[in-house]
Amino acid sequence: MRYDGTLSDRQEAIMRVIRSWIFEHGQGPTIRQIGERVGLSSTSSVAYQLGRLA
């Protein structure tokens, strides 16, 4: 999250993936599944972005 409270483009993409995955599957995606959908191969990068959203 930026200092002004808005989400970065990457964070917006992650949120879209999480919402659509829950809608499609009834449960949240794994870190790897999020990474695959947003184009991040590093699970630590996905975890970092998730931490920024918390």
N, C-alpha and C. Protein backbone atom coordinates (compact mmCIF):
# COMPACT_ATOMS: atom_id res chain seq x y z
N MET A 1 0.85 -1.16 0.00
CA MET A 1 0.00 0.00 0.00
C MET A 1 0.90 1.23 0.00
N ARG A 2 0.52 2.20 -0.75
CA ARG A 2 1.28 3.43 -0.81
C ARG A 2 0.97 4.29 0.40
N TYR A 3 1.79 5.31 0.60
CA TYR A 3 1.59 6.18 1.76
C TYR A 3 0.25 6.90 1.70
N ASP A 4 -0.28 7.11 0.50
CA ASP A 4 -1.57 7.79 0.40
C ASP A 4 -2.75 6.84 0.56
N GLY A 5 -2.46 5.57 0.86
CA GLY A 5 -3.52 4.60 1.11
C GLY A 5 -4.03 3.86 -0.11
N THR A 6 -3.47 4.17 -1.29
CA THR A 6 -3.91 3.48 -2.50
C THR A 6 -3.05 2.24 -2.74
N LEU A 7 -3.59 1.31 -3.46
CA LEU A 7 -2.87 0.09 -3.79
C LEU A 7 -2.05 0.29 -5.06
N SER A 8 -0.91 -0.39 -5.12
CA SER A 8 -0.11 -0.38 -6.35
C SER A 8 -0.82 -1.24 -7.40
N ASP A 9 -0.38 -1.14 -8.63
CA ASP A 9 -0.96 -1.97 -9.70
C ASP A 9 -0.81 -3.45 -9.36
N ARG A 10 0.35 -3.85 -8.85
CA ARG A 10 0.60 -5.25 -8.50
C ARG A 10 -0.34 -5.69 -7.38
N GLN A 11 -0.53 -4.84 -6.38
CA GLN A 11 -1.44 -5.17 -5.28
C GLN A 11 -2.88 -5.28 -5.76
N GLU A 12 -3.27 -4.41 -6.66
CA GLU A 12 -4.62 -4.50 -7.25
C GLU A 12 -4.79 -5.83 -7.97
N ALA A 13 -3.76 -6.24 -8.72
CA ALA A 13 -3.82 -7.50 -9.46
C ALA A 13 -3.95 -8.67 -8.49
N ILE A 14 -3.20 -8.64 -7.42
CA ILE A 14 -3.26 -9.71 -6.42
C ILE A 14 -4.65 -9.77 -5.79
N MET A 15 -5.21 -8.63 -5.47
CA MET A 15 -6.56 -8.60 -4.90
C MET A 15 -7.59 -9.17 -5.88
N ARG A 16 -7.46 -8.83 -7.16
CA ARG A 16 -8.38 -9.39 -8.17
C ARG A 16 -8.26 -10.90 -8.23
N VAL A 17 -7.02 -11.41 -8.20
CA VAL A 17 -6.79 -12.86 -8.24
C VAL A 17 -7.44 -13.53 -7.03
N ILE A 18 -7.23 -12.98 -5.87
CA ILE A 18 -7.78 -13.57 -4.65
C ILE A 18 -9.31 -13.59 -4.71
N ARG A 19 -9.90 -12.47 -5.09
CA ARG A 19 -11.37 -12.41 -5.17
C ARG A 19 -11.92 -13.41 -6.18
N SER A 20 -11.33 -13.46 -7.37
CA SER A 20 -11.85 -14.36 -8.41
C SER A 20 -11.63 -15.81 -8.03
N TRP A 21 -10.49 -16.11 -7.40
CA TRP A 21 -10.21 -17.49 -7.00
C TRP A 21 -11.23 -17.96 -5.96
N ILE A 22 -11.50 -17.11 -4.99
CA ILE A 22 -12.48 -17.47 -3.96
C ILE A 22 -13.85 -17.68 -4.60
N PHE A 23 -14.22 -16.83 -5.53
CA PHE A 23 -15.50 -16.97 -6.22
C PHE A 23 -15.56 -18.29 -6.99
N GLU A 24 -14.46 -18.64 -7.68
CA GLU A 24 -14.42 -19.86 -8.50
C GLU A 24 -14.29 -21.14 -7.69
N HIS A 25 -13.52 -21.10 -6.59
CA HIS A 25 -13.16 -22.32 -5.88
C HIS A 25 -13.70 -22.41 -4.46
N GLY A 26 -14.23 -21.32 -3.94
CA GLY A 26 -14.80 -21.35 -2.60
C GLY A 26 -13.77 -21.27 -1.48
N GLN A 27 -12.52 -21.09 -1.81
CA GLN A 27 -11.46 -20.94 -0.82
C GLN A 27 -10.34 -20.11 -1.42
N GLY A 28 -9.46 -19.62 -0.58
CA GLY A 28 -8.39 -18.76 -1.06
C GLY A 28 -7.31 -19.52 -1.82
N PRO A 29 -6.59 -18.82 -2.70
CA PRO A 29 -5.51 -19.45 -3.46
C PRO A 29 -4.24 -19.57 -2.61
N THR A 30 -3.35 -20.44 -3.02
CA THR A 30 -2.04 -20.53 -2.38
C THR A 30 -1.16 -19.39 -2.90
N ILE A 31 -0.05 -19.20 -2.23
CA ILE A 31 0.90 -18.17 -2.68
C ILE A 31 1.38 -18.49 -4.09
N ARG A 32 1.65 -19.75 -4.38
CA ARG A 32 2.10 -20.13 -5.73
C ARG A 32 1.03 -19.85 -6.78
N GLN A 33 -0.22 -20.14 -6.45
CA GLN A 33 -1.31 -19.88 -7.39
C GLN A 33 -1.46 -18.39 -7.66
N ILE A 34 -1.33 -17.57 -6.63
CA ILE A 34 -1.38 -16.13 -6.83
C ILE A 34 -0.24 -15.71 -7.75
N GLY A 35 0.96 -16.17 -7.45
CA GLY A 35 2.13 -15.82 -8.25
C GLY A 35 1.97 -16.19 -9.72
N GLU A 36 1.44 -17.37 -9.98
CA GLU A 36 1.23 -17.80 -11.36
C GLU A 36 0.28 -16.86 -12.10
N ARG A 37 -0.76 -16.42 -11.42
CA ARG A 37 -1.76 -15.57 -12.07
C ARG A 37 -1.29 -14.13 -12.28
N VAL A 38 -0.40 -13.64 -11.42
CA VAL A 38 0.05 -12.25 -11.57
C VAL A 38 1.44 -12.15 -12.20
N GLY A 39 2.05 -13.29 -12.51
CA GLY A 39 3.34 -13.27 -13.18
C GLY A 39 4.54 -13.12 -12.27
N LEU A 40 4.42 -13.56 -11.03
CA LEU A 40 5.55 -13.54 -10.10
C LEU A 40 5.99 -14.98 -9.86
N SER A 41 7.24 -15.30 -10.15
CA SER A 41 7.72 -16.66 -9.94
C SER A 41 8.26 -16.87 -8.53
N SER A 42 8.58 -15.79 -7.84
CA SER A 42 9.12 -15.88 -6.50
C SER A 42 7.99 -15.84 -5.46
N THR A 43 7.91 -16.91 -4.66
CA THR A 43 6.88 -16.92 -3.62
C THR A 43 7.17 -15.86 -2.57
N SER A 44 8.44 -15.52 -2.38
CA SER A 44 8.75 -14.48 -1.39
C SER A 44 8.25 -13.12 -1.86
N SER A 45 8.25 -12.88 -3.17
CA SER A 45 7.71 -11.62 -3.69
C SER A 45 6.20 -11.55 -3.47
N VAL A 46 5.53 -12.66 -3.67
CA VAL A 46 4.08 -12.70 -3.41
C VAL A 46 3.82 -12.49 -1.92
N ALA A 47 4.58 -13.17 -1.08
CA ALA A 47 4.40 -13.03 0.36
C ALA A 47 4.65 -11.59 0.80
N TYR A 48 5.64 -10.96 0.22
CA TYR A 48 5.93 -9.55 0.54
C TYR A 48 4.72 -8.68 0.21
N GLN A 49 4.17 -8.86 -1.00
CA GLN A 49 3.02 -8.06 -1.41
C GLN A 49 1.81 -8.32 -0.52
N LEU A 50 1.60 -9.57 -0.14
CA LEU A 50 0.50 -9.89 0.77
C LEU A 50 0.71 -9.22 2.12
N GLY A 51 1.93 -9.20 2.58
CA GLY A 51 2.25 -8.53 3.85
C GLY A 51 1.96 -7.04 3.78
N ARG A 52 2.20 -6.43 2.64
CA ARG A 52 1.93 -5.01 2.45
C ARG A 52 0.43 -4.72 2.45
N LEU A 53 -0.36 -5.73 2.06
CA LEU A 53 -1.81 -5.57 2.03
C LEU A 53 -2.44 -5.72 3.41
N ALA A 54 -1.73 -6.39 4.31
CA ALA A 54 -2.29 -6.66 5.64
C ALA A 54 -2.42 -5.42 6.49
